[in-house]
Amino acid sequence: GELKTKMHLLTSSFYGFQASNSMQVMQQNQDQAESLKANSAFIFKDWSSKKGVYKTKLLQEGINLMWFSNWNDEGLIYHKYFNPFPVRALTLIKCCINEWLQGIKEDIKFTSTTYGPVYRTLQTP
């Protein structure tokens, strides 16, 4: 949906994934995706030292873009439904990273069947 589209664009830009036919670029995309997924490094502000759990700037940018862009957005009006929220958005970010695992962007459906277990795993980093 709308959130996945926005998060895919942010995730690609934030982590430097590039659409290309170059084998070198595809390998860089694949290496980056694998590195970010290793031990859920992507959930940290500093993914190399694994410090700042749930403090990644990407998470905040996605939340702000989708639900807190103006005074009439859902996040401000229905704030009680957005607490706690980070794990849901992080699960979607992982889906966006998974789309680059083969080095080129492949569409992956964000379903509860596929990503429910991911959600439960991310609840306890």
PDB file of N, CA and C in Angstrom:
ATOM      1  N   GLY A   1       0.799  -1.171   0.000  1.00  0.00           N
ATOM      2  CA  GLY A   1       0.000   0.000   0.000  1.00  0.00           C
ATOM      3  C   GLY A   1       0.862   1.264   0.000  1.00  0.00           C
ATOM      4  N   GLU A   2       0.250   2.315   0.435  1.00  0.00           N
ATOM      5  CA  GLU A   2       0.904   3.625   0.436  1.00  0.00           C
ATOM      6  C   GLU A   2       2.152   3.642   1.320  1.00  0.00           C
ATOM      7  N   LEU A   3       2.067   3.029   2.498  1.00  0.00           N
ATOM      8  CA  LEU A   3       3.224   3.024   3.401  1.00  0.00           C
ATOM      9  C   LEU A   3       4.391   2.267   2.792  1.00  0.00           C
ATOM     10  N   LYS A   4       4.124   1.115   2.198  1.00  0.00           N
ATOM     11  CA  LYS A   4       5.212   0.334   1.606  1.00  0.00           C
ATOM     12  C   LYS A   4       5.870   1.110   0.474  1.00  0.00           C
ATOM     13  N   THR A   5       5.086   1.782  -0.345  1.00  0.00           N
ATOM     14  CA  THR A   5       5.646   2.581  -1.440  1.00  0.00           C
ATOM     15  C   THR A   5       6.561   3.666  -0.896  1.00  0.00           C
ATOM     16  N   LYS A   6       6.090   4.385   0.114  1.00  0.00           N
ATOM     17  CA  LYS A   6       6.908   5.452   0.699  1.00  0.00           C
ATOM     18  C   LYS A   6       8.147   4.892   1.382  1.00  0.00           C
ATOM     19  N   MET A   7       7.985   3.795   2.129  1.00  0.00           N
ATOM     20  CA  MET A   7       9.131   3.221   2.838  1.00  0.00           C
ATOM     21  C   MET A   7      10.143   2.618   1.874  1.00  0.00           C
ATOM     22  N   HIS A   8       9.667   2.065   0.765  1.00  0.00           N
ATOM     23  CA  HIS A   8      10.620   1.509  -0.204  1.00  0.00           C
ATOM     24  C   HIS A   8      11.525   2.612  -0.745  1.00  0.00           C
ATOM     25  N   LEU A   9      10.936   3.742  -1.098  1.00  0.00           N
ATOM     26  CA  LEU A   9      11.735   4.858  -1.613  1.00  0.00           C
ATOM     27  C   LEU A   9      12.714   5.363  -0.563  1.00  0.00           C
ATOM     28  N   LEU A  10      12.242   5.523   0.664  1.00  0.00           N
ATOM     29  CA  LEU A  10      13.127   5.983   1.740  1.00  0.00           C
ATOM     30  C   LEU A  10      14.228   4.966   2.032  1.00  0.00           C
ATOM     31  N   THR A  11      13.862   3.688   2.087  1.00  0.00           N
ATOM     32  CA  THR A  11      14.830   2.631   2.402  1.00  0.00           C
ATOM     33  C   THR A  11      15.909   2.550   1.330  1.00  0.00           C
ATOM     34  N   SER A  12      15.509   2.593   0.078  1.00  0.00           N
ATOM     35  CA  SER A  12      16.485   2.536  -1.020  1.00  0.00           C
ATOM     36  C   SER A  12      17.468   3.685  -0.936  1.00  0.00           C
ATOM     37  N   SER A  13      16.959   4.876  -0.715  1.00  0.00           N
ATOM     38  CA  SER A  13      17.804   6.061  -0.622  1.00  0.00           C
ATOM     39  C   SER A  13      18.682   6.025   0.626  1.00  0.00           C
ATOM     40  N   PHE A  14      18.107   5.690   1.760  1.00  0.00           N
ATOM     41  CA  PHE A  14      18.811   5.699   3.044  1.00  0.00           C
ATOM     42  C   PHE A  14      19.990   4.728   3.044  1.00  0.00           C
ATOM     43  N   TYR A  15      19.792   3.534   2.503  1.00  0.00           N
ATOM     44  CA  TYR A  15      20.838   2.516   2.516  1.00  0.00           C
ATOM     45  C   TYR A  15      21.650   2.455   1.227  1.00  0.00           C
ATOM     46  N   GLY A  16      21.313   3.273   0.253  1.00  0.00           N
ATOM     47  CA  GLY A  16      22.111   3.358  -0.961  1.00  0.00           C
ATOM     48  C   GLY A  16      21.866   2.266  -1.985  1.00  0.00           C
ATOM     49  N   PHE A  17      20.717   1.615  -1.944  1.00  0.00           N
ATOM     50  CA  PHE A  17      20.395   0.621  -2.967  1.00  0.00           C
ATOM     51  C   PHE A  17      20.173   1.336  -4.297  1.00  0.00           C
ATOM     52  N   GLN A  18      20.692   0.727  -5.381  1.00  0.00           N
ATOM     53  CA  GLN A  18      20.602   1.347  -6.699  1.00  0.00           C
ATOM     54  C   GLN A  18      20.040   0.364  -7.718  1.00  0.00           C
ATOM     55  N   ALA A  19      19.156   0.852  -8.561  1.00  0.00           N
ATOM     56  CA  ALA A  19      18.658   0.051  -9.675  1.00  0.00           C
ATOM     57  C   ALA A  19      19.695   0.119 -10.790  1.00  0.00           C
ATOM     58  N   SER A  20      20.215  -1.032 -11.180  1.00  0.00           N
ATOM     59  CA  SER A  20      21.258  -1.064 -12.206  1.00  0.00           C
ATOM     60  C   SER A  20      21.374  -2.472 -12.777  1.00  0.00           C
ATOM     61  N   ASN A  21      21.858  -2.549 -14.018  1.00  0.00           N
ATOM     62  CA  ASN A  21      22.165  -3.843 -14.633  1.00  0.00           C
ATOM     63  C   ASN A  21      23.615  -4.238 -14.403  1.00  0.00           C
ATOM     64  N   SER A  22      24.384  -3.367 -13.791  1.00  0.00           N
ATOM     65  CA  SER A  22      25.791  -3.626 -13.516  1.00  0.00           C
ATOM     66  C   SER A  22      25.929  -4.728 -12.463  1.00  0.00           C
ATOM     67  N   MET A  23      26.726  -5.735 -12.770  1.00  0.00           N
ATOM     68  CA  MET A  23      26.960  -6.825 -11.824  1.00  0.00           C
ATOM     69  C   MET A  23      27.576  -6.304 -10.530  1.00  0.00           C
ATOM     70  N   GLN A  24      28.445  -5.316 -10.645  1.00  0.00           N
ATOM     71  CA  GLN A  24      29.093  -4.748  -9.466  1.00  0.00           C
ATOM     72  C   GLN A  24      28.061  -4.072  -8.553  1.00  0.00           C
ATOM     73  N   VAL A  25      27.168  -3.292  -9.130  1.00  0.00           N
ATOM     74  CA  VAL A  25      26.130  -2.609  -8.347  1.00  0.00           C
ATOM     75  C   VAL A  25      25.168  -3.631  -7.742  1.00  0.00           C
ATOM     76  N   MET A  26      24.795  -4.643  -8.510  1.00  0.00           N
ATOM     77  CA  MET A  26      23.898  -5.673  -7.984  1.00  0.00           C
ATOM     78  C   MET A  26      24.543  -6.401  -6.807  1.00  0.00           C
ATOM     79  N   GLN A  27      25.850  -6.667  -6.903  1.00  0.00           N
ATOM     80  CA  GLN A  27      26.560  -7.322  -5.803  1.00  0.00           C
ATOM     81  C   GLN A  27      26.610  -6.415  -4.575  1.00  0.00           C
ATOM     82  N   GLN A  28      26.824  -5.111  -4.797  1.00  0.00           N
ATOM     83  CA  GLN A  28      26.820  -4.157  -3.677  1.00  0.00           C
ATOM     84  C   GLN A  28      25.449  -4.128  -3.004  1.00  0.00           C
ATOM     85  N   ASN A  29      24.389  -4.127  -3.800  1.00  0.00           N
ATOM     86  CA  ASN A  29      23.030  -4.159  -3.249  1.00  0.00           C
ATOM     87  C   ASN A  29      22.812  -5.413  -2.408  1.00  0.00           C
ATOM     88  N   GLN A  30      23.232  -6.536  -2.955  1.00  0.00           N
ATOM     89  CA  GLN A  30      23.061  -7.811  -2.263  1.00  0.00           C
ATOM     90  C   GLN A  30      23.860  -7.827  -0.964  1.00  0.00           C
ATOM     91  N   ASP A  31      25.110  -7.392  -1.013  1.00  0.00           N
ATOM     92  CA  ASP A  31      25.954  -7.355   0.187  1.00  0.00           C
ATOM     93  C   ASP A  31      25.365  -6.430   1.250  1.00  0.00           C
ATOM     94  N   GLN A  32      24.876  -5.268   0.812  1.00  0.00           N
ATOM     95  CA  GLN A  32      24.286  -4.310   1.752  1.00  0.00           C
ATOM     96  C   GLN A  32      23.042  -4.906   2.415  1.00  0.00           C
ATOM     97  N   ALA A  33      22.177  -5.537   1.633  1.00  0.00           N
ATOM     98  CA  ALA A  33      20.956  -6.142   2.178  1.00  0.00           C
ATOM     99  C   ALA A  33      21.298  -7.240   3.182  1.00  0.00           C
ATOM    100  N   GLU A  34      22.248  -8.089   2.851  1.00  0.00           N
ATOM    101  CA  GLU A  34      22.640  -9.170   3.761  1.00  0.00           C
ATOM    102  C   GLU A  34      23.252  -8.617   5.040  1.00  0.00           C
ATOM    103  N   SER A  35      24.073  -7.585   4.910  1.00  0.00           N
ATOM    104  CA  SER A  35      24.702  -6.957   6.072  1.00  0.00           C
ATOM    105  C   SER A  35      23.658  -6.338   7.004  1.00  0.00           C
ATOM    106  N   LEU A  36      22.679  -5.667   6.435  1.00  0.00           N
ATOM    107  CA  LEU A  36      21.635  -5.028   7.240  1.00  0.00           C
ATOM    108  C   LEU A  36      20.739  -6.046   7.934  1.00  0.00           C
ATOM    109  N   LYS A  37      20.508  -7.181   7.292  1.00  0.00           N
ATOM    110  CA  LYS A  37      19.663  -8.215   7.880  1.00  0.00           C
ATOM    111  C   LYS A  37      20.381  -9.010   8.958  1.00  0.00           C
ATOM    112  N   ALA A  38      21.707  -9.094   8.882  1.00  0.00           N
ATOM    113  CA  ALA A  38      22.477  -9.884   9.842  1.00  0.00           C
ATOM    114  C   ALA A  38      22.208  -9.376  11.257  1.00  0.00           C
ATOM    115  N   ASN A  39      21.659 -10.248  12.082  1.00  0.00           N
ATOM    116  CA  ASN A  39      21.338  -9.907  13.473  1.00  0.00           C
ATOM    117  C   ASN A  39      20.470  -8.658  13.577  1.00  0.00           C
ATOM    118  N   SER A  40      19.619  -8.434  12.582  1.00  0.00           N
ATOM    119  CA  SER A  40      18.701  -7.279  12.561  1.00  0.00           C
ATOM    120  C   SER A  40      19.424  -5.953  12.756  1.00  0.00           C
ATOM    121  N   ALA A  41      20.580  -5.801  12.132  1.00  0.00           N
ATOM    122  CA  ALA A  41      21.375  -4.574  12.278  1.00  0.00           C
ATOM    123  C   ALA A  41      20.594  -3.328  11.879  1.00  0.00           C
ATOM    124  N   PHE A  42      19.653  -3.468  10.959  1.00  0.00           N
ATOM    125  CA  PHE A  42      18.917  -2.302  10.450  1.00  0.00           C
ATOM    126  C   PHE A  42      18.046  -1.621  11.499  1.00  0.00           C
ATOM    127  N   ILE A  43      17.780  -2.256  12.637  1.00  0.00           N
ATOM    128  CA  ILE A  43      16.924  -1.636  13.653  1.00  0.00           C
ATOM    129  C   ILE A  43      17.683  -0.643  14.529  1.00  0.00           C
ATOM    130  N   PHE A  44      19.000  -0.567  14.352  1.00  0.00           N
ATOM    131  CA  PHE A  44      19.824   0.295  15.195  1.00  0.00           C
ATOM    132  C   PHE A  44      20.172   1.611  14.509  1.00  0.00           C
ATOM    133  N   LYS A  45      20.360   2.638  15.312  1.00  0.00           N
ATOM    134  CA  LYS A  45      20.811   3.933  14.790  1.00  0.00           C
ATOM    135  C   LYS A  45      22.173   3.768  14.128  1.00  0.00           C
ATOM    136  N   ASP A  46      23.073   3.082  14.809  1.00  0.00           N
ATOM    137  CA  ASP A  46      24.393   2.771  14.252  1.00  0.00           C
ATOM    138  C   ASP A  46      24.424   1.269  14.012  1.00  0.00           C
ATOM    139  N   TRP A  47      24.165   0.858  12.769  1.00  0.00           N
ATOM    140  CA  TRP A  47      24.020  -0.565  12.497  1.00  0.00           C
ATOM    141  C   TRP A  47      25.335  -1.329  12.540  1.00  0.00           C
ATOM    142  N   SER A  48      26.475  -0.646  12.470  1.00  0.00           N
ATOM    143  CA  SER A  48      27.739  -1.378  12.566  1.00  0.00           C
ATOM    144  C   SER A  48      28.084  -1.709  14.018  1.00  0.00           C
ATOM    145  N   SER A  49      27.829  -0.786  14.950  1.00  0.00           N
ATOM    146  CA  SER A  49      28.134  -1.048  16.366  1.00  0.00           C
ATOM    147  C   SER A  49      26.908  -1.545  17.135  1.00  0.00           C
ATOM    148  N   LYS A  50      25.752  -1.547  16.477  1.00  0.00           N
ATOM    149  CA  LYS A  50      24.485  -1.986  17.073  1.00  0.00           C
ATOM    150  C   LYS A  50      24.158  -1.207  18.348  1.00  0.00           C
ATOM    151  N   LYS A  51      24.173   0.108  18.191  1.00  0.00           N
ATOM    152  CA  LYS A  51      23.794   0.994  19.296  1.00  0.00           C
ATOM    153  C   LYS A  51      22.590   1.820  18.859  1.00  0.00           C
ATOM    154  N   GLY A  52      21.717   2.116  19.825  1.00  0.00           N
ATOM    155  CA  GLY A  52      20.544   2.932  19.541  1.00  0.00           C
ATOM    156  C   GLY A  52      19.400   2.133  18.949  1.00  0.00           C
ATOM    157  N   VAL A  53      18.984   1.060  19.643  1.00  0.00           N
ATOM    158  CA  VAL A  53      17.905   0.217  19.141  1.00  0.00           C
ATOM    159  C   VAL A  53      16.637   1.052  18.934  1.00  0.00           C
ATOM    160  N   TYR A  54      15.990   0.854  17.801  1.00  0.00           N
ATOM    161  CA  TYR A  54      14.777   1.566  17.386  1.00  0.00           C
ATOM    162  C   TYR A  54      14.989   3.070  17.240  1.00  0.00           C
ATOM    163  N   LYS A  55      16.218   3.513  17.079  1.00  0.00           N
ATOM    164  CA  LYS A  55      16.502   4.946  16.957  1.00  0.00           C
ATOM    165  C   LYS A  55      16.976   5.316  15.552  1.00  0.00           C
ATOM    166  N   THR A  56      16.843   4.413  14.602  1.00  0.00           N
ATOM    167  CA  THR A  56      17.293   4.696  13.247  1.00  0.00           C
ATOM    168  C   THR A  56      16.536   5.891  12.664  1.00  0.00           C
ATOM    169  N   LYS A  57      17.258   6.757  12.019  1.00  0.00           N
ATOM    170  CA  LYS A  57      16.662   7.948  11.408  1.00  0.00           C
ATOM    171  C   LYS A  57      15.641   7.560  10.338  1.00  0.00           C
ATOM    172  N   LEU A  58      15.881   6.457   9.657  1.00  0.00           N
ATOM    173  CA  LEU A  58      14.956   5.975   8.627  1.00  0.00           C
ATOM    174  C   LEU A  58      13.572   5.712   9.216  1.00  0.00           C
ATOM    175  N   LEU A  59      13.526   5.113  10.377  1.00  0.00           N
ATOM    176  CA  LEU A  59      12.253   4.827  11.029  1.00  0.00           C
ATOM    177  C   LEU A  59      11.480   6.116  11.289  1.00  0.00           C
ATOM    178  N   GLN A  60      12.143   7.100  11.856  1.00  0.00           N
ATOM    179  CA  GLN A  60      11.471   8.362  12.161  1.00  0.00           C
ATOM    180  C   GLN A  60      11.038   9.086  10.892  1.00  0.00           C
ATOM    181  N   GLU A  61      11.872   9.063   9.853  1.00  0.00           N
ATOM    182  CA  GLU A  61      11.507   9.709   8.590  1.00  0.00           C
ATOM    183  C   GLU A  61      10.259   9.075   7.982  1.00  0.00           C
ATOM    184  N   GLY A  62      10.189   7.751   8.016  1.00  0.00           N
ATOM    185  CA  GLY A  62       9.026   7.056   7.466  1.00  0.00           C
ATOM    186  C   GLY A  62       7.753   7.365   8.229  1.00  0.00           C
ATOM    187  N   ILE A  63       7.839   7.344   9.544  1.00  0.00           N
ATOM    188  CA  ILE A  63       6.679   7.648  10.384  1.00  0.00           C
ATOM    189  C   ILE A  63       6.217   9.080  10.149  1.00  0.00           C
ATOM    190  N   ASN A  64       7.157  10.001  10.122  1.00  0.00           N
ATOM    191  CA  ASN A  64       6.801  11.408   9.901  1.00  0.00           C
ATOM    192  C   ASN A  64       6.155  11.613   8.536  1.00  0.00           C
ATOM    193  N   LEU A  65       6.738  11.016   7.503  1.00  0.00           N
ATOM    194  CA  LEU A  65       6.223  11.176   6.146  1.00  0.00           C
ATOM    195  C   LEU A  65       4.802  10.631   6.008  1.00  0.00           C
ATOM    196  N   MET A  66       4.555   9.500   6.620  1.00  0.00           N
ATOM    197  CA  MET A  66       3.267   8.840   6.446  1.00  0.00           C
ATOM    198  C   MET A  66       2.164   9.403   7.339  1.00  0.00           C
ATOM    199  N   TRP A  67       2.479   9.694   8.588  1.00  0.00           N
ATOM    200  CA  TRP A  67       1.409  10.002   9.538  1.00  0.00           C
ATOM    201  C   TRP A  67       1.520  11.330  10.277  1.00  0.00           C
ATOM    202  N   PHE A  68       2.640  12.024  10.124  1.00  0.00           N
ATOM    203  CA  PHE A  68       2.819  13.250  10.899  1.00  0.00           C
ATOM    204  C   PHE A  68       3.305  14.417  10.038  1.00  0.00           C
ATOM    205  N   SER A  69       2.891  14.480   8.787  1.00  0.00           N
ATOM    206  CA  SER A  69       3.351  15.537   7.884  1.00  0.00           C
ATOM    207  C   SER A  69       2.667  16.874   8.130  1.00  0.00           C
ATOM    208  N   ASN A  70       1.430  16.847   8.611  1.00  0.00           N
ATOM    209  CA  ASN A  70       0.719  18.103   8.882  1.00  0.00           C
ATOM    210  C   ASN A  70      -0.258  17.909  10.039  1.00  0.00           C
ATOM    211  N   TRP A  71      -0.880  18.988  10.461  1.00  0.00           N
ATOM    212  CA  TRP A  71      -1.751  18.964  11.642  1.00  0.00           C
ATOM    213  C   TRP A  71      -2.989  18.094  11.475  1.00  0.00           C
ATOM    214  N   ASN A  72      -3.350  17.744  10.260  1.00  0.00           N
ATOM    215  CA  ASN A  72      -4.538  16.927  10.024  1.00  0.00           C
ATOM    216  C   ASN A  72      -4.227  15.454   9.800  1.00  0.00           C
ATOM    217  N   ASP A  73      -2.956  15.072   9.898  1.00  0.00           N
ATOM    218  CA  ASP A  73      -2.582  13.679   9.644  1.00  0.00           C
ATOM    219  C   ASP A  73      -3.049  12.750  10.767  1.00  0.00           C
ATOM    220  N   GLU A  74      -3.192  11.478  10.407  1.00  0.00           N
ATOM    221  CA  GLU A  74      -3.706  10.467  11.326  1.00  0.00           C
ATOM    222  C   GLU A  74      -2.901  10.351  12.610  1.00  0.00           C
ATOM    223  N   GLY A  75      -1.594  10.506  12.520  1.00  0.00           N
ATOM    224  CA  GLY A  75      -0.747  10.344  13.698  1.00  0.00           C
ATOM    225  C   GLY A  75      -1.047  11.336  14.797  1.00  0.00           C
ATOM    226  N   LEU A  76      -1.411  12.524  14.424  1.00  0.00           N
ATOM    227  CA  LEU A  76      -1.754  13.533  15.427  1.00  0.00           C
ATOM    228  C   LEU A  76      -3.184  13.367  15.931  1.00  0.00           C
ATOM    229  N   ILE A  77      -4.077  13.033  15.038  1.00  0.00           N
ATOM    230  CA  ILE A  77      -5.485  12.897  15.413  1.00  0.00           C
ATOM    231  C   ILE A  77      -5.727  11.615  16.220  1.00  0.00           C
ATOM    232  N   TYR A  78      -5.115  10.514  15.793  1.00  0.00           N
ATOM    233  CA  TYR A  78      -5.336   9.211  16.431  1.00  0.00           C
ATOM    234  C   TYR A  78      -4.062   8.699  17.104  1.00  0.00           C
ATOM    235  N   HIS A  79      -3.384   9.545  17.824  1.00  0.00           N
ATOM    236  CA  HIS A  79      -2.070   9.216  18.385  1.00  0.00           C
ATOM    237  C   HIS A  79      -2.074   7.969  19.259  1.00  0.00           C
ATOM    238  N   LYS A  80      -3.185   7.632  19.906  1.00  0.00           N
ATOM    239  CA  LYS A  80      -3.195   6.451  20.780  1.00  0.00           C
ATOM    240  C   LYS A  80      -2.968   5.150  19.995  1.00  0.00           C
ATOM    241  N   TYR A  81      -3.250   5.156  18.691  1.00  0.00           N
ATOM    242  CA  TYR A  81      -3.041   3.961  17.879  1.00  0.00           C
ATOM    243  C   TYR A  81      -1.603   3.829  17.381  1.00  0.00           C
ATOM    244  N   PHE A  82      -0.789   4.809  17.655  1.00  0.00           N
ATOM    245  CA  PHE A  82       0.591   4.808  17.176  1.00  0.00           C
ATOM    246  C   PHE A  82       1.586   4.561  18.303  1.00  0.00           C
ATOM    247  N   ASN A  83       1.122   4.021  19.408  1.00  0.00           N
ATOM    248  CA  ASN A  83       1.998   3.793  20.546  1.00  0.00           C
ATOM    249  C   ASN A  83       1.708   2.416  21.131  1.00  0.00           C
ATOM    250  N   PRO A  84       2.642   1.457  21.103  1.00  0.00           N
ATOM    251  CA  PRO A  84       3.959   1.561  20.461  1.00  0.00           C
ATOM    252  C   PRO A  84       3.839   1.295  18.968  1.00  0.00           C
ATOM    253  N   PHE A  85       4.724   1.861  18.218  1.00  0.00           N
ATOM    254  CA  PHE A  85       4.645   1.730  16.772  1.00  0.00           C
ATOM    255  C   PHE A  85       5.909   1.237  16.089  1.00  0.00           C
ATOM    256  N   PRO A  86       7.107   1.513  16.568  1.00  0.00           N
ATOM    257  CA  PRO A  86       8.320   1.239  15.798  1.00  0.00           C
ATOM    258  C   PRO A  86       8.452  -0.163  15.231  1.00  0.00           C
ATOM    259  N   VAL A  87       8.020  -1.198  15.947  1.00  0.00           N
ATOM    260  CA  VAL A  87       8.216  -2.564  15.470  1.00  0.00           C
ATOM    261  C   VAL A  87       7.454  -2.807  14.171  1.00  0.00           C
ATOM    262  N   ARG A  88       6.275  -2.252  14.039  1.00  0.00           N
ATOM    263  CA  ARG A  88       5.505  -2.424  12.794  1.00  0.00           C
ATOM    264  C   ARG A  88       6.244  -1.812  11.607  1.00  0.00           C
ATOM    265  N   ALA A  89       6.750  -0.603  11.793  1.00  0.00           N
ATOM    266  CA  ALA A  89       7.477   0.057  10.705  1.00  0.00           C
ATOM    267  C   ALA A  89       8.791  -0.659  10.410  1.00  0.00           C
ATOM    268  N   LEU A  90       9.467  -1.147  11.443  1.00  0.00           N
ATOM    269  CA  LEU A  90      10.719  -1.879  11.226  1.00  0.00           C
ATOM    270  C   LEU A  90      10.479  -3.171  10.455  1.00  0.00           C
ATOM    271  N   THR A  91       9.362  -3.809  10.701  1.00  0.00           N
ATOM    272  CA  THR A  91       9.018  -5.020   9.954  1.00  0.00           C
ATOM    273  C   THR A  91       8.867  -4.693   8.474  1.00  0.00           C
ATOM    274  N   LEU A  92       8.260  -3.574   8.178  1.00  0.00           N
ATOM    275  CA  LEU A  92       8.116  -3.137   6.787  1.00  0.00           C
ATOM    276  C   LEU A  92       9.472  -2.774   6.186  1.00  0.00           C
ATOM    277  N   ILE A  93      10.337  -2.133   6.965  1.00  0.00           N
ATOM    278  CA  ILE A  93      11.683  -1.811   6.479  1.00  0.00           C
ATOM    279  C   ILE A  93      12.415  -3.098   6.119  1.00  0.00           C
ATOM    280  N   LYS A  94      12.275  -4.140   6.944  1.00  0.00           N
ATOM    281  CA  LYS A  94      12.924  -5.414   6.633  1.00  0.00           C
ATOM    282  C   LYS A  94      12.397  -5.974   5.317  1.00  0.00           C
ATOM    283  N   CYS A  95      11.108  -5.849   5.067  1.00  0.00           N
ATOM    284  CA  CYS A  95      10.539  -6.282   3.788  1.00  0.00           C
ATOM    285  C   CYS A  95      11.198  -5.522   2.640  1.00  0.00           C
ATOM    286  N   CYS A  96      11.361  -4.215   2.806  1.00  0.00           N
ATOM    287  CA  CYS A  96      11.986  -3.389   1.761  1.00  0.00           C
ATOM    288  C   CYS A  96      13.444  -3.795   1.529  1.00  0.00           C
ATOM    289  N   ILE A  97      14.156  -4.137   2.594  1.00  0.00           N
ATOM    290  CA  ILE A  97      15.538  -4.621   2.458  1.00  0.00           C
ATOM    291  C   ILE A  97      15.539  -5.964   1.737  1.00  0.00           C
ATOM    292  N   ASN A  98      14.616  -6.845   2.105  1.00  0.00           N
ATOM    293  CA  ASN A  98      14.528  -8.161   1.462  1.00  0.00           C
ATOM    294  C   ASN A  98      14.331  -8.048  -0.046  1.00  0.00           C
ATOM    295  N   GLU A  99      13.678  -6.989  -0.485  1.00  0.00           N
ATOM    296  CA  GLU A  99      13.444  -6.816  -1.917  1.00  0.00           C
ATOM    297  C   GLU A  99      14.746  -6.639  -2.695  1.00  0.00           C
ATOM    298  N   TRP A 100      15.831  -6.307  -2.008  1.00  0.00           N
ATOM    299  CA  TRP A 100      17.126  -6.098  -2.668  1.00  0.00           C
ATOM    300  C   TRP A 100      18.085  -7.279  -2.482  1.00  0.00           C
ATOM    301  N   LEU A 101      17.655  -8.359  -1.845  1.00  0.00           N
ATOM    302  CA  LEU A 101      18.557  -9.474  -1.544  1.00  0.00           C
ATOM    303  C   LEU A 101      19.180 -10.127  -2.775  1.00  0.00           C
ATOM    304  N   GLN A 102      18.522 -10.059  -3.903  1.00  0.00           N
ATOM    305  CA  GLN A 102      19.077 -10.648  -5.123  1.00  0.00           C
ATOM    306  C   GLN A 102      19.913  -9.647  -5.915  1.00  0.00           C
ATOM    307  N   GLY A 103      20.074  -8.436  -5.359  1.00  0.00           N
ATOM    308  CA  GLY A 103      20.879  -7.419  -6.027  1.00  0.00           C
ATOM    309  C   GLY A 103      20.064  -6.464  -6.882  1.00  0.00           C
ATOM    310  N   ILE A 104      18.874  -6.895  -7.271  1.00  0.00           N
ATOM    311  CA  ILE A 104      17.950  -6.030  -8.007  1.00  0.00           C
ATOM    312  C   ILE A 104      16.643  -5.999  -7.217  1.00  0.00           C
ATOM    313  N   LYS A 105      15.866  -4.943  -7.396  1.00  0.00           N
ATOM    314  CA  LYS A 105      14.629  -4.812  -6.634  1.00  0.00           C
ATOM    315  C   LYS A 105      13.589  -5.789  -7.143  1.00  0.00           C
ATOM    316  N   GLU A 106      13.106  -6.631  -6.237  1.00  0.00           N
ATOM    317  CA  GLU A 106      12.033  -7.565  -6.544  1.00  0.00           C
ATOM    318  C   GLU A 106      10.874  -7.266  -5.603  1.00  0.00           C
ATOM    319  N   ASP A 107       9.673  -7.185  -6.130  1.00  0.00           N
ATOM    320  CA  ASP A 107       8.517  -6.875  -5.292  1.00  0.00           C
ATOM    321  C   ASP A 107       8.190  -8.059  -4.398  1.00  0.00           C
ATOM    322  N   ILE A 108       8.096  -7.803  -3.110  1.00  0.00           N
ATOM    323  CA  ILE A 108       7.713  -8.818  -2.133  1.00  0.00           C
ATOM    324  C   ILE A 108       6.440  -8.338  -1.456  1.00  0.00           C
ATOM    325  N   LYS A 109       5.454  -9.198  -1.411  1.00  0.00           N
ATOM    326  CA  LYS A 109       4.188  -8.858  -0.761  1.00  0.00           C
ATOM    327  C   LYS A 109       4.407  -8.785   0.751  1.00  0.00           C
ATOM    328  N   PHE A 110       3.878  -7.736   1.349  1.00  0.00           N
ATOM    329  CA  PHE A 110       3.977  -7.532   2.791  1.00  0.00           C
ATOM    330  C   PHE A 110       2.714  -8.096   3.427  1.00  0.00           C
ATOM    331  N   THR A 111       2.768  -9.385   3.795  1.00  0.00           N
ATOM    332  CA  THR A 111       1.595 -10.061   4.340  1.00  0.00           C
ATOM    333  C   THR A 111       1.853 -10.514   5.773  1.00  0.00           C
ATOM    334  N   SER A 112       0.785 -10.720   6.517  1.00  0.00           N
ATOM    335  CA  SER A 112       0.935 -11.186   7.898  1.00  0.00           C
ATOM    336  C   SER A 112       1.479 -12.611   7.937  1.00  0.00           C
ATOM    337  N   THR A 113       1.176 -13.405   6.927  1.00  0.00           N
ATOM    338  CA  THR A 113       1.692 -14.767   6.885  1.00  0.00           C
ATOM    339  C   THR A 113       3.212 -14.767   6.795  1.00  0.00           C
ATOM    340  N   THR A 114       3.751 -13.925   5.925  1.00  0.00           N
ATOM    341  CA  THR A 114       5.195 -13.867   5.726  1.00  0.00           C
ATOM    342  C   THR A 114       5.896 -13.066   6.809  1.00  0.00           C
ATOM    343  N   TYR A 115       5.323 -11.933   7.186  1.00  0.00           N
ATOM    344  CA  TYR A 115       6.029 -11.014   8.079  1.00  0.00           C
ATOM    345  C   TYR A 115       5.537 -11.016   9.525  1.00  0.00           C
ATOM    346  N   GLY A 116       4.524 -11.825   9.849  1.00  0.00           N
ATOM    347  CA  GLY A 116       4.104 -11.975  11.246  1.00  0.00           C
ATOM    348  C   GLY A 116       5.231 -12.498  12.120  1.00  0.00           C
ATOM    349  N   PRO A 117       5.934 -13.566  11.686  1.00  0.00           N
ATOM    350  CA  PRO A 117       7.057 -14.062  12.488  1.00  0.00           C
ATOM    351  C   PRO A 117       8.187 -13.027  12.625  1.00  0.00           C
ATOM    352  N   VAL A 118       8.417 -12.238  11.587  1.00  0.00           N
ATOM    353  CA  VAL A 118       9.432 -11.178  11.646  1.00  0.00           C
ATOM    354  C   VAL A 118       9.033 -10.154  12.698  1.00  0.00           C
ATOM    355  N   TYR A 119       7.772  -9.768  12.692  1.00  0.00           N
ATOM    356  CA  TYR A 119       7.256  -8.807  13.673  1.00  0.00           C
ATOM    357  C   TYR A 119       7.504  -9.312  15.093  1.00  0.00           C
ATOM    358  N   ARG A 120       7.172 -10.570  15.340  1.00  0.00           N
ATOM    359  CA  ARG A 120       7.351 -11.129  16.683  1.00  0.00           C
ATOM    360  C   ARG A 120       8.824 -11.181  17.075  1.00  0.00           C
ATOM    361  N   THR A 121       9.696 -11.482  16.137  1.00  0.00           N
ATOM    362  CA  THR A 121      11.135 -11.521  16.414  1.00  0.00           C
ATOM    363  C   THR A 121      11.667 -10.135  16.749  1.00  0.00           C
ATOM    364  N   LEU A 122      11.215  -9.123  16.034  1.00  0.00           N
ATOM    365  CA  LEU A 122      11.704  -7.758  16.252  1.00  0.00           C
ATOM    366  C   LEU A 122      11.186  -7.141  17.550  1.00  0.00           C
ATOM    367  N   GLN A 123      10.178  -7.726  18.146  1.00  0.00           N
ATOM    368  CA  GLN A 123       9.662  -7.190  19.404  1.00  0.00           C
ATOM    369  C   GLN A 123      10.662  -7.343  20.541  1.00  0.00           C
ATOM    370  N   THR A 124      11.584  -8.279  20.401  1.00  0.00           N
ATOM    371  CA  THR A 124      12.597  -8.498  21.436  1.00  0.00           C
ATOM    372  C   THR A 124      13.972  -8.570  20.789  1.00  0.00           C
ATOM    373  N   PRO A 125      14.592  -7.403  20.528  1.00  0.00           N
ATOM    374  CA  PRO A 125      15.902  -7.410  19.845  1.00  0.00           C
ATOM    375  C   PRO A 125      17.003  -7.965  20.721  1.00  0.00           C
TER     376      PRO A 125
END
